[in-house]
Amino acid sequence: KEKKKTGWRRYLSLKHYSLIRQLIIVFSSLAIIFIVVI
């Protein structure tokens, strides 16, 4: 369970991805929020 929890934390943490992937994730998240909420 602890390994799974650590794995999810690593998956959800942006700092474990390259900058390009971070930018894609951030932009996609903002686009989804924009479409769903704004």
PDB file of all heavy atoms in Angstrom:
ATOM      1  N   LYS A   1       0.825  -1.208   0.000  1.00  0.00           N
ATOM      2  CA  LYS A   1       0.000   0.000   0.000  1.00  0.00           C
ATOM      3  C   LYS A   1       0.857   1.257   0.000  1.00  0.00           C
ATOM      4  O   LYS A   1       0.570   2.229  -0.697  1.00  0.00           O
ATOM      5  CB  LYS A   1      -0.933   0.004   1.216  1.00  0.00           C
ATOM      6  CG  LYS A   1      -2.040  -1.029   1.153  1.00  0.00           C
ATOM      7  CD  LYS A   1      -2.938  -0.926   2.379  1.00  0.00           C
ATOM      8  CE  LYS A   1      -4.076  -1.926   2.312  1.00  0.00           C
ATOM      9  NZ  LYS A   1      -4.945  -1.847   3.524  1.00  0.00           N
ATOM     10  N   GLU A   2       1.930   1.234   0.804  1.00  0.00           N
ATOM     11  CA  GLU A   2       2.821   2.396   0.876  1.00  0.00           C
ATOM     12  C   GLU A   2       3.508   2.638  -0.464  1.00  0.00           C
ATOM     13  O   GLU A   2       3.670   3.771  -0.902  1.00  0.00           O
ATOM     14  CB  GLU A   2       3.861   2.176   1.983  1.00  0.00           C
ATOM     15  CG  GLU A   2       4.730   3.393   2.263  1.00  0.00           C
ATOM     16  CD  GLU A   2       3.935   4.569   2.784  1.00  0.00           C
ATOM     17  OE1 GLU A   2       2.905   4.325   3.454  1.00  0.00           O
ATOM     18  OE2 GLU A   2       4.335   5.708   2.520  1.00  0.00           O
ATOM     19  N   LYS A   3       3.913   1.547  -1.142  1.00  0.00           N
ATOM     20  CA  LYS A   3       4.535   1.680  -2.456  1.00  0.00           C
ATOM     21  C   LYS A   3       3.558   2.251  -3.465  1.00  0.00           C
ATOM     22  O   LYS A   3       3.915   3.090  -4.292  1.00  0.00           O
ATOM     23  CB  LYS A   3       5.052   0.322  -2.931  1.00  0.00           C
ATOM     24  CG  LYS A   3       6.291  -0.166  -2.182  1.00  0.00           C
ATOM     25  CD  LYS A   3       6.759  -1.502  -2.728  1.00  0.00           C
ATOM     26  CE  LYS A   3       8.005  -1.984  -1.981  1.00  0.00           C
ATOM     27  NZ  LYS A   3       8.456  -3.311  -2.476  1.00  0.00           N
ATOM     28  N   LYS A   4       2.283   1.775  -3.414  1.00  0.00           N
ATOM     29  CA  LYS A   4       1.274   2.305  -4.323  1.00  0.00           C
ATOM     30  C   LYS A   4       1.033   3.793  -4.058  1.00  0.00           C
ATOM     31  O   LYS A   4       0.913   4.595  -4.986  1.00  0.00           O
ATOM     32  CB  LYS A   4      -0.038   1.532  -4.167  1.00  0.00           C
ATOM     33  CG  LYS A   4       0.013   0.128  -4.731  1.00  0.00           C
ATOM     34  CD  LYS A   4      -1.344  -0.554  -4.603  1.00  0.00           C
ATOM     35  CE  LYS A   4      -1.302  -1.953  -5.206  1.00  0.00           C
ATOM     36  NZ  LYS A   4      -2.628  -2.634  -5.076  1.00  0.00           N
ATOM     37  N   LYS A   5       0.974   4.153  -2.761  1.00  0.00           N
ATOM     38  CA  LYS A   5       0.758   5.553  -2.390  1.00  0.00           C
ATOM     39  C   LYS A   5       1.918   6.410  -2.875  1.00  0.00           C
ATOM     40  O   LYS A   5       1.727   7.496  -3.429  1.00  0.00           O
ATOM     41  CB  LYS A   5       0.603   5.665  -0.870  1.00  0.00           C
ATOM     42  CG  LYS A   5       0.170   7.051  -0.396  1.00  0.00           C
ATOM     43  CD  LYS A   5       0.094   7.099   1.117  1.00  0.00           C
ATOM     44  CE  LYS A   5      -0.980   6.176   1.648  1.00  0.00           C
ATOM     45  NZ  LYS A   5      -1.114   6.302   3.128  1.00  0.00           N
ATOM     46  N   THR A   6       3.147   5.891  -2.681  1.00  0.00           N
ATOM     47  CA  THR A   6       4.329   6.624  -3.151  1.00  0.00           C
ATOM     48  C   THR A   6       4.314   6.759  -4.662  1.00  0.00           C
ATOM     49  O   THR A   6       4.676   7.795  -5.217  1.00  0.00           O
ATOM     50  CB  THR A   6       5.614   5.903  -2.699  1.00  0.00           C
ATOM     51  OG1 THR A   6       5.593   5.750  -1.278  1.00  0.00           O
ATOM     52  CG2 THR A   6       6.843   6.686  -3.114  1.00  0.00           C
ATOM     53  N   GLY A   7       3.885   5.682  -5.343  1.00  0.00           N
ATOM     54  CA  GLY A   7       3.804   5.724  -6.805  1.00  0.00           C
ATOM     55  C   GLY A   7       2.824   6.754  -7.297  1.00  0.00           C
ATOM     56  O   GLY A   7       3.093   7.505  -8.238  1.00  0.00           O
ATOM     57  N   TRP A   8       1.654   6.848  -6.630  1.00  0.00           N
ATOM     58  CA  TRP A   8       0.661   7.866  -7.010  1.00  0.00           C
ATOM     59  C   TRP A   8       1.184   9.267  -6.736  1.00  0.00           C
ATOM     60  O   TRP A   8       0.962  10.187  -7.531  1.00  0.00           O
ATOM     61  CB  TRP A   8      -0.644   7.626  -6.247  1.00  0.00           C
ATOM     62  CG  TRP A   8      -1.533   6.645  -6.928  1.00  0.00           C
ATOM     63  CD1 TRP A   8      -1.782   5.360  -6.554  1.00  0.00           C
ATOM     64  CD2 TRP A   8      -2.281   6.868  -8.133  1.00  0.00           C
ATOM     65  NE1 TRP A   8      -2.630   4.755  -7.438  1.00  0.00           N
ATOM     66  CE2 TRP A   8      -2.968   5.665  -8.420  1.00  0.00           C
ATOM     67  CE3 TRP A   8      -2.436   7.949  -8.983  1.00  0.00           C
ATOM     68  CZ2 TRP A   8      -3.782   5.530  -9.525  1.00  0.00           C
ATOM     69  CZ3 TRP A   8      -3.254   7.820 -10.094  1.00  0.00           C
ATOM     70  CH2 TRP A   8      -3.920   6.620 -10.364  1.00  0.00           C
ATOM     71  N   ARG A   9       1.876   9.438  -5.623  1.00  0.00           N
ATOM     72  CA  ARG A   9       2.455  10.753  -5.329  1.00  0.00           C
ATOM     73  C   ARG A   9       3.461  11.142  -6.395  1.00  0.00           C
ATOM     74  O   ARG A   9       3.506  12.286  -6.847  1.00  0.00           O
ATOM     75  CB  ARG A   9       3.138  10.730  -3.959  1.00  0.00           C
ATOM     76  CG  ARG A   9       2.163  10.692  -2.789  1.00  0.00           C
ATOM     77  CD  ARG A   9       2.924  10.529  -1.490  1.00  0.00           C
ATOM     78  NE  ARG A   9       2.021  10.426  -0.351  1.00  0.00           N
ATOM     79  CZ  ARG A   9       2.408  10.098   0.877  1.00  0.00           C
ATOM     80  NH1 ARG A   9       3.694   9.836   1.116  1.00  0.00           N
ATOM     81  NH2 ARG A   9       1.529  10.026   1.869  1.00  0.00           N
ATOM     82  N   ARG A  10       4.273  10.175  -6.794  1.00  0.00           N
ATOM     83  CA  ARG A  10       5.264  10.451  -7.838  1.00  0.00           C
ATOM     84  C   ARG A  10       4.562  10.773  -9.154  1.00  0.00           C
ATOM     85  O   ARG A  10       4.979  11.666  -9.899  1.00  0.00           O
ATOM     86  CB  ARG A  10       6.192   9.246  -8.005  1.00  0.00           C
ATOM     87  CG  ARG A  10       7.298   9.466  -9.023  1.00  0.00           C
ATOM     88  CD  ARG A  10       8.191   8.241  -9.133  1.00  0.00           C
ATOM     89  NE  ARG A  10       9.231   8.443 -10.131  1.00  0.00           N
ATOM     90  CZ  ARG A  10      10.378   9.041  -9.895  1.00  0.00           C
ATOM     91  NH1 ARG A  10      10.636   9.495  -8.688  1.00  0.00           N
ATOM     92  NH2 ARG A  10      11.272   9.190 -10.856  1.00  0.00           N
ATOM     93  N   TYR A  11       3.480  10.055  -9.451  1.00  0.00           N
ATOM     94  CA  TYR A  11       2.751  10.281 -10.696  1.00  0.00           C
ATOM     95  C   TYR A  11       2.103  11.658 -10.726  1.00  0.00           C
ATOM     96  O   TYR A  11       2.074  12.333 -11.755  1.00  0.00           O
ATOM     97  CB  TYR A  11       1.679   9.188 -10.849  1.00  0.00           C
ATOM     98  CG  TYR A  11       0.825   9.338 -12.085  1.00  0.00           C
ATOM     99  CD1 TYR A  11       1.324   8.969 -13.340  1.00  0.00           C
ATOM    100  CD2 TYR A  11      -0.467   9.860 -11.999  1.00  0.00           C
ATOM    101  CE1 TYR A  11       0.541   9.107 -14.482  1.00  0.00           C
ATOM    102  CE2 TYR A  11      -1.250  10.007 -13.134  1.00  0.00           C
ATOM    103  CZ  TYR A  11      -0.747   9.629 -14.368  1.00  0.00           C
ATOM    104  OH  TYR A  11      -1.510   9.785 -15.489  1.00  0.00           O
ATOM    105  N   LEU A  12       1.576  12.083  -9.569  1.00  0.00           N
ATOM    106  CA  LEU A  12       0.879  13.365  -9.497  1.00  0.00           C
ATOM    107  C   LEU A  12       1.829  14.545  -9.342  1.00  0.00           C
ATOM    108  O   LEU A  12       1.418  15.684  -9.523  1.00  0.00           O
ATOM    109  CB  LEU A  12      -0.122  13.345  -8.331  1.00  0.00           C
ATOM    110  CG  LEU A  12      -1.280  12.349  -8.463  1.00  0.00           C
ATOM    111  CD1 LEU A  12      -2.108  12.347  -7.178  1.00  0.00           C
ATOM    112  CD2 LEU A  12      -2.170  12.699  -9.656  1.00  0.00           C
ATOM    113  N   SER A  13       3.068  14.296  -8.991  1.00  0.00           N
ATOM    114  CA  SER A  13       4.024  15.378  -8.786  1.00  0.00           C
ATOM    115  C   SER A  13       4.676  15.746 -10.117  1.00  0.00           C
ATOM    116  O   SER A  13       5.246  14.905 -10.808  1.00  0.00           O
ATOM    117  CB  SER A  13       5.094  14.951  -7.774  1.00  0.00           C
ATOM    118  OG  SER A  13       6.051  15.969  -7.623  1.00  0.00           O
ATOM    119  N   LEU A  14       4.597  17.045 -10.479  1.00  0.00           N
ATOM    120  CA  LEU A  14       5.145  17.499 -11.753  1.00  0.00           C
ATOM    121  C   LEU A  14       6.663  17.443 -11.785  1.00  0.00           C
ATOM    122  O   LEU A  14       7.255  17.347 -12.863  1.00  0.00           O
ATOM    123  CB  LEU A  14       4.684  18.937 -12.034  1.00  0.00           C
ATOM    124  CG  LEU A  14       3.204  19.124 -12.348  1.00  0.00           C
ATOM    125  CD1 LEU A  14       2.908  20.598 -12.525  1.00  0.00           C
ATOM    126  CD2 LEU A  14       2.811  18.359 -13.606  1.00  0.00           C
ATOM    127  N   LYS A  15       7.299  17.526 -10.625  1.00  0.00           N
ATOM    128  CA  LYS A  15       8.752  17.659 -10.599  1.00  0.00           C
ATOM    129  C   LYS A  15       9.473  16.415 -11.114  1.00  0.00           C
ATOM    130  O   LYS A  15      10.674  16.455 -11.374  1.00  0.00           O
ATOM    131  CB  LYS A  15       9.237  17.972  -9.183  1.00  0.00           C
ATOM    132  CG  LYS A  15       8.985  16.867  -8.170  1.00  0.00           C
ATOM    133  CD  LYS A  15       9.426  17.301  -6.791  1.00  0.00           C
ATOM    134  CE  LYS A  15       9.189  16.213  -5.744  1.00  0.00           C
ATOM    135  NZ  LYS A  15       9.591  16.639  -4.389  1.00  0.00           N
ATOM    136  N   HIS A  16       8.753  15.313 -11.297  1.00  0.00           N
ATOM    137  CA  HIS A  16       9.370  14.093 -11.799  1.00  0.00           C
ATOM    138  C   HIS A  16       9.279  13.984 -13.326  1.00  0.00           C
ATOM    139  O   HIS A  16       9.684  12.977 -13.898  1.00  0.00           O
ATOM    140  CB  HIS A  16       8.724  12.864 -11.155  1.00  0.00           C
ATOM    141  CG  HIS A  16       8.886  12.806  -9.669  1.00  0.00           C
ATOM    142  ND1 HIS A  16      10.113  12.632  -9.063  1.00  0.00           N
ATOM    143  CD2 HIS A  16       7.991  12.933  -8.659  1.00  0.00           C
ATOM    144  CE1 HIS A  16       9.950  12.627  -7.746  1.00  0.00           C
ATOM    145  NE2 HIS A  16       8.679  12.822  -7.483  1.00  0.00           N
ATOM    146  N   TYR A  17       8.730  15.011 -13.983  1.00  0.00           N
ATOM    147  CA  TYR A  17       8.619  15.024 -15.436  1.00  0.00           C
ATOM    148  C   TYR A  17       9.550  16.071 -16.023  1.00  0.00           C
ATOM    149  O   TYR A  17       9.970  17.011 -15.346  1.00  0.00           O
ATOM    150  CB  TYR A  17       7.176  15.325 -15.864  1.00  0.00           C
ATOM    151  CG  TYR A  17       6.167  14.293 -15.416  1.00  0.00           C
ATOM    152  CD1 TYR A  17       5.401  14.492 -14.268  1.00  0.00           C
ATOM    153  CD2 TYR A  17       5.975  13.121 -16.134  1.00  0.00           C
ATOM    154  CE1 TYR A  17       4.474  13.556 -13.851  1.00  0.00           C
ATOM    155  CE2 TYR A  17       5.048  12.169 -15.732  1.00  0.00           C
ATOM    156  CZ  TYR A  17       4.303  12.390 -14.584  1.00  0.00           C
ATOM    157  OH  TYR A  17       3.393  11.468 -14.183  1.00  0.00           O
ATOM    158  N   SER A  18       9.821  15.949 -17.314  1.00  0.00           N
ATOM    159  CA  SER A  18      10.614  16.962 -18.004  1.00  0.00           C
ATOM    160  C   SER A  18       9.804  18.248 -18.097  1.00  0.00           C
ATOM    161  O   SER A  18       8.572  18.257 -17.931  1.00  0.00           O
ATOM    162  CB  SER A  18      10.984  16.475 -19.408  1.00  0.00           C
ATOM    163  OG  SER A  18       9.812  16.341 -20.209  1.00  0.00           O
ATOM    164  N   LEU A  19      10.497  19.356 -18.413  1.00  0.00           N
ATOM    165  CA  LEU A  19       9.812  20.646 -18.492  1.00  0.00           C
ATOM    166  C   LEU A  19       8.743  20.656 -19.580  1.00  0.00           C
ATOM    167  O   LEU A  19       7.668  21.237 -19.396  1.00  0.00           O
ATOM    168  CB  LEU A  19      10.834  21.765 -18.748  1.00  0.00           C
ATOM    169  CG  LEU A  19      11.634  22.241 -17.537  1.00  0.00           C
ATOM    170  CD1 LEU A  19      12.655  23.287 -17.956  1.00  0.00           C
ATOM    171  CD2 LEU A  19      10.701  22.822 -16.477  1.00  0.00           C
ATOM    172  N   ILE A  20       9.038  20.032 -20.727  1.00  0.00           N
ATOM    173  CA  ILE A  20       8.046  19.996 -21.808  1.00  0.00           C
ATOM    174  C   ILE A  20       6.795  19.260 -21.352  1.00  0.00           C
ATOM    175  O   ILE A  20       5.663  19.708 -21.580  1.00  0.00           O
ATOM    176  CB  ILE A  20       8.647  19.323 -23.055  1.00  0.00           C
ATOM    177  CG1 ILE A  20       9.663  20.257 -23.715  1.00  0.00           C
ATOM    178  CG2 ILE A  20       7.556  18.967 -24.061  1.00  0.00           C
ATOM    179  CD1 ILE A  20       9.063  21.538 -24.258  1.00  0.00           C
ATOM    180  N   ARG A  21       6.984  18.107 -20.680  1.00  0.00           N
ATOM    181  CA  ARG A  21       5.814  17.374 -20.172  1.00  0.00           C
ATOM    182  C   ARG A  21       5.075  18.190 -19.124  1.00  0.00           C
ATOM    183  O   ARG A  21       3.836  18.180 -19.080  1.00  0.00           O
ATOM    184  CB  ARG A  21       6.259  16.037 -19.586  1.00  0.00           C
ATOM    185  CG  ARG A  21       6.683  15.017 -20.628  1.00  0.00           C
ATOM    186  CD  ARG A  21       6.907  13.655 -20.011  1.00  0.00           C
ATOM    187  NE  ARG A  21       7.240  12.661 -21.016  1.00  0.00           N
ATOM    188  CZ  ARG A  21       7.439  11.365 -20.750  1.00  0.00           C
ATOM    189  NH1 ARG A  21       7.319  10.937 -19.492  1.00  0.00           N
ATOM    190  NH2 ARG A  21       7.734  10.521 -21.709  1.00  0.00           N
ATOM    191  N   GLN A  22       5.819  18.874 -18.275  1.00  0.00           N
ATOM    192  CA  GLN A  22       5.171  19.731 -17.280  1.00  0.00           C
ATOM    193  C   GLN A  22       4.319  20.805 -17.957  1.00  0.00           C
ATOM    194  O   GLN A  22       3.185  21.063 -17.550  1.00  0.00           O
ATOM    195  CB  GLN A  22       6.218  20.384 -16.381  1.00  0.00           C
ATOM    196  CG  GLN A  22       6.918  19.427 -15.428  1.00  0.00           C
ATOM    197  CD  GLN A  22       7.857  20.130 -14.486  1.00  0.00           C
ATOM    198  OE1 GLN A  22       7.582  21.230 -14.028  1.00  0.00           O
ATOM    199  NE2 GLN A  22       8.988  19.503 -14.181  1.00  0.00           N
ATOM    200  N   LEU A  23       4.880  21.433 -19.003  1.00  0.00           N
ATOM    201  CA  LEU A  23       4.129  22.473 -19.719  1.00  0.00           C
ATOM    202  C   LEU A  23       2.872  21.892 -20.369  1.00  0.00           C
ATOM    203  O   LEU A  23       1.806  22.510 -20.336  1.00  0.00           O
ATOM    204  CB  LEU A  23       5.020  23.117 -20.776  1.00  0.00           C
ATOM    205  CG  LEU A  23       6.112  24.062 -20.263  1.00  0.00           C
ATOM    206  CD1 LEU A  23       6.996  24.517 -21.403  1.00  0.00           C
ATOM    207  CD2 LEU A  23       5.490  25.264 -19.567  1.00  0.00           C
ATOM    208  N   ILE A  24       3.006  20.694 -20.970  1.00  0.00           N
ATOM    209  CA  ILE A  24       1.846  20.062 -21.601  1.00  0.00           C
ATOM    210  C   ILE A  24       0.775  19.749 -20.562  1.00  0.00           C
ATOM    211  O   ILE A  24      -0.422  19.996 -20.775  1.00  0.00           O
ATOM    212  CB  ILE A  24       2.278  18.777 -22.340  1.00  0.00           C
ATOM    213  CG1 ILE A  24       3.160  19.136 -23.548  1.00  0.00           C
ATOM    214  CG2 ILE A  24       1.058  17.986 -22.789  1.00  0.00           C
ATOM    215  CD1 ILE A  24       3.761  17.932 -24.244  1.00  0.00           C
ATOM    216  N   ILE A  25       1.198  19.204 -19.407  1.00  0.00           N
ATOM    217  CA  ILE A  25       0.240  18.872 -18.352  1.00  0.00           C
ATOM    218  C   ILE A  25      -0.447  20.128 -17.817  1.00  0.00           C
ATOM    219  O   ILE A  25      -1.676  20.175 -17.660  1.00  0.00           O
ATOM    220  CB  ILE A  25       0.945  18.116 -17.210  1.00  0.00           C
ATOM    221  CG1 ILE A  25       1.415  16.737 -17.688  1.00  0.00           C
ATOM    222  CG2 ILE A  25       0.022  17.970 -16.001  1.00  0.00           C
ATOM    223  CD1 ILE A  25       2.294  16.001 -16.698  1.00  0.00           C
ATOM    224  N   VAL A  26       0.357  21.175 -17.554  1.00  0.00           N
ATOM    225  CA  VAL A  26      -0.211  22.426 -17.024  1.00  0.00           C
ATOM    226  C   VAL A  26      -1.169  23.045 -18.031  1.00  0.00           C
ATOM    227  O   VAL A  26      -2.284  23.464 -17.681  1.00  0.00           O
ATOM    228  CB  VAL A  26       0.923  23.413 -16.661  1.00  0.00           C
ATOM    229  CG1 VAL A  26       0.350  24.783 -16.347  1.00  0.00           C
ATOM    230  CG2 VAL A  26       1.714  22.892 -15.470  1.00  0.00           C
ATOM    231  N   PHE A  27      -0.756  23.098 -19.313  1.00  0.00           N
ATOM    232  CA  PHE A  27      -1.619  23.702 -20.328  1.00  0.00           C
ATOM    233  C   PHE A  27      -2.905  22.897 -20.504  1.00  0.00           C
ATOM    234  O   PHE A  27      -3.999  23.469 -20.625  1.00  0.00           O
ATOM    235  CB  PHE A  27      -0.866  23.799 -21.654  1.00  0.00           C
ATOM    236  CG  PHE A  27      -1.710  24.358 -22.769  1.00  0.00           C
ATOM    237  CD1 PHE A  27      -1.985  25.718 -22.824  1.00  0.00           C
ATOM    238  CD2 PHE A  27      -2.234  23.524 -23.739  1.00  0.00           C
ATOM    239  CE1 PHE A  27      -2.782  26.235 -23.828  1.00  0.00           C
ATOM    240  CE2 PHE A  27      -3.029  24.033 -24.758  1.00  0.00           C
ATOM    241  CZ  PHE A  27      -3.298  25.396 -24.802  1.00  0.00           C
ATOM    242  N   SER A  28      -2.777  21.560 -20.548  1.00  0.00           N
ATOM    243  CA  SER A  28      -3.977  20.718 -20.700  1.00  0.00           C
ATOM    244  C   SER A  28      -4.925  20.908 -19.522  1.00  0.00           C
ATOM    245  O   SER A  28      -6.145  20.994 -19.707  1.00  0.00           O
ATOM    246  CB  SER A  28      -3.561  19.247 -20.814  1.00  0.00           C
ATOM    247  OG  SER A  28      -2.709  19.045 -21.920  1.00  0.00           O
ATOM    248  N   SER A  29      -4.366  20.988 -18.311  1.00  0.00           N
ATOM    249  CA  SER A  29      -5.199  21.195 -17.116  1.00  0.00           C
ATOM    250  C   SER A  29      -5.916  22.536 -17.194  1.00  0.00           C
ATOM    251  O   SER A  29      -7.121  22.632 -16.905  1.00  0.00           O
ATOM    252  CB  SER A  29      -4.342  21.120 -15.854  1.00  0.00           C
ATOM    253  OG  SER A  29      -3.696  19.867 -15.744  1.00  0.00           O
ATOM    254  N   LEU A  30      -5.182  23.562 -17.598  1.00  0.00           N
ATOM    255  CA  LEU A  30      -5.798  24.892 -17.718  1.00  0.00           C
ATOM    256  C   LEU A  30      -6.873  24.900 -18.798  1.00  0.00           C
ATOM    257  O   LEU A  30      -7.930  25.529 -18.639  1.00  0.00           O
ATOM    258  CB  LEU A  30      -4.727  25.939 -18.031  1.00  0.00           C
ATOM    259  CG  LEU A  30      -3.735  26.248 -16.900  1.00  0.00           C
ATOM    260  CD1 LEU A  30      -2.672  27.224 -17.383  1.00  0.00           C
ATOM    261  CD2 LEU A  30      -4.460  26.838 -15.696  1.00  0.00           C
ATOM    262  N   ALA A  31      -6.628  24.199 -19.924  1.00  0.00           N
ATOM    263  CA  ALA A  31      -7.613  24.145 -21.003  1.00  0.00           C
ATOM    264  C   ALA A  31      -8.890  23.440 -20.534  1.00  0.00           C
ATOM    265  O   ALA A  31     -10.005  23.886 -20.833  1.00  0.00           O
ATOM    266  CB  ALA A  31      -7.015  23.437 -22.216  1.00  0.00           C
ATOM    267  N   ILE A  32      -8.714  22.332 -19.790  1.00  0.00           N
ATOM    268  CA  ILE A  32      -9.882  21.594 -19.277  1.00  0.00           C
ATOM    269  C   ILE A  32     -10.668  22.466 -18.302  1.00  0.00           C
ATOM    270  O   ILE A  32     -11.907  22.543 -18.359  1.00  0.00           O
ATOM    271  CB  ILE A  32      -9.438  20.280 -18.607  1.00  0.00           C
ATOM    272  CG1 ILE A  32      -8.875  19.321 -19.665  1.00  0.00           C
ATOM    273  CG2 ILE A  32     -10.599  19.635 -17.855  1.00  0.00           C
ATOM    274  CD1 ILE A  32      -8.233  18.074 -19.081  1.00  0.00           C
ATOM    275  N   ILE A  33      -9.945  23.133 -17.386  1.00  0.00           N
ATOM    276  CA  ILE A  33     -10.620  24.023 -16.432  1.00  0.00           C
ATOM    277  C   ILE A  33     -11.345  25.140 -17.174  1.00  0.00           C
ATOM    278  O   ILE A  33     -12.480  25.510 -16.830  1.00  0.00           O
ATOM    279  CB  ILE A  33      -9.586  24.605 -15.445  1.00  0.00           C
ATOM    280  CG1 ILE A  33      -9.044  23.503 -14.544  1.00  0.00           C
ATOM    281  CG2 ILE A  33     -10.205  25.717 -14.596  1.00  0.00           C
ATOM    282  CD1 ILE A  33      -7.898  23.939 -13.655  1.00  0.00           C
ATOM    283  N   PHE A  34     -10.696  25.647 -18.232  1.00  0.00           N
ATOM    284  CA  PHE A  34     -11.300  26.732 -19.007  1.00  0.00           C
ATOM    285  C   PHE A  34     -12.597  26.267 -19.663  1.00  0.00           C
ATOM    286  O   PHE A  34     -13.607  26.969 -19.645  1.00  0.00           O
ATOM    287  CB  PHE A  34     -10.297  27.199 -20.068  1.00  0.00           C
ATOM    288  CG  PHE A  34     -10.704  28.450 -20.780  1.00  0.00           C
ATOM    289  CD1 PHE A  34     -10.464  29.685 -20.218  1.00  0.00           C
ATOM    290  CD2 PHE A  34     -11.331  28.381 -22.012  1.00  0.00           C
ATOM    291  CE1 PHE A  34     -10.841  30.839 -20.868  1.00  0.00           C
ATOM    292  CE2 PHE A  34     -11.715  29.528 -22.676  1.00  0.00           C
ATOM    293  CZ  PHE A  34     -11.464  30.773 -22.100  1.00  0.00           C
ATOM    294  N   ILE A  35     -12.564  25.056 -20.243  1.00  0.00           N
ATOM    295  CA  ILE A  35     -13.743  24.547 -20.947  1.00  0.00           C
ATOM    296  C   ILE A  35     -14.856  24.157 -19.972  1.00  0.00           C
ATOM    297  O   ILE A  35     -16.036  24.444 -20.195  1.00  0.00           O
ATOM    298  CB  ILE A  35     -13.352  23.342 -21.824  1.00  0.00           C
ATOM    299  CG1 ILE A  35     -12.429  23.814 -22.963  1.00  0.00           C
ATOM    300  CG2 ILE A  35     -14.586  22.659 -22.398  1.00  0.00           C
ATOM    301  CD1 ILE A  35     -11.827  22.691 -23.768  1.00  0.00           C
ATOM    302  N   VAL A  36     -14.463  23.501 -18.865  1.00  0.00           N
ATOM    303  CA  VAL A  36     -15.467  22.973 -17.928  1.00  0.00           C
ATOM    304  C   VAL A  36     -16.039  24.059 -17.014  1.00  0.00           C
ATOM    305  O   VAL A  36     -17.227  24.037 -16.684  1.00  0.00           O
ATOM    306  CB  VAL A  36     -14.843  21.835 -17.083  1.00  0.00           C
ATOM    307  CG1 VAL A  36     -15.802  21.365 -15.997  1.00  0.00           C
ATOM    308  CG2 VAL A  36     -14.442  20.674 -17.968  1.00  0.00           C
ATOM    309  N   VAL A  37     -15.205  25.036 -16.621  1.00  0.00           N
ATOM    310  CA  VAL A  37     -15.644  26.027 -15.636  1.00  0.00           C
ATOM    311  C   VAL A  37     -15.866  27.406 -16.258  1.00  0.00           C
ATOM    312  O   VAL A  37     -16.939  27.992 -16.127  1.00  0.00           O
ATOM    313  CB  VAL A  37     -14.602  26.138 -14.492  1.00  0.00           C
ATOM    314  CG1 VAL A  37     -15.030  27.199 -13.488  1.00  0.00           C
ATOM    315  CG2 VAL A  37     -14.430  24.793 -13.801  1.00  0.00           C
ATOM    316  N   ILE A  38     -14.857  27.901 -16.977  1.00  0.00           N
ATOM    317  CA  ILE A  38     -14.917  29.277 -17.463  1.00  0.00           C
ATOM    318  C   ILE A  38     -15.989  29.452 -18.534  1.00  0.00           C
ATOM    319  O   ILE A  38     -16.766  30.410 -18.500  1.00  0.00           O
ATOM    320  CB  ILE A  38     -13.544  29.720 -18.006  1.00  0.00           C
ATOM    321  CG1 ILE A  38     -12.473  29.565 -16.917  1.00  0.00           C
ATOM    322  CG2 ILE A  38     -13.598  31.155 -18.496  1.00  0.00           C
ATOM    323  CD1 ILE A  38     -12.723  30.405 -15.694  1.00  0.00           C
TER     324      ILE A  38
END
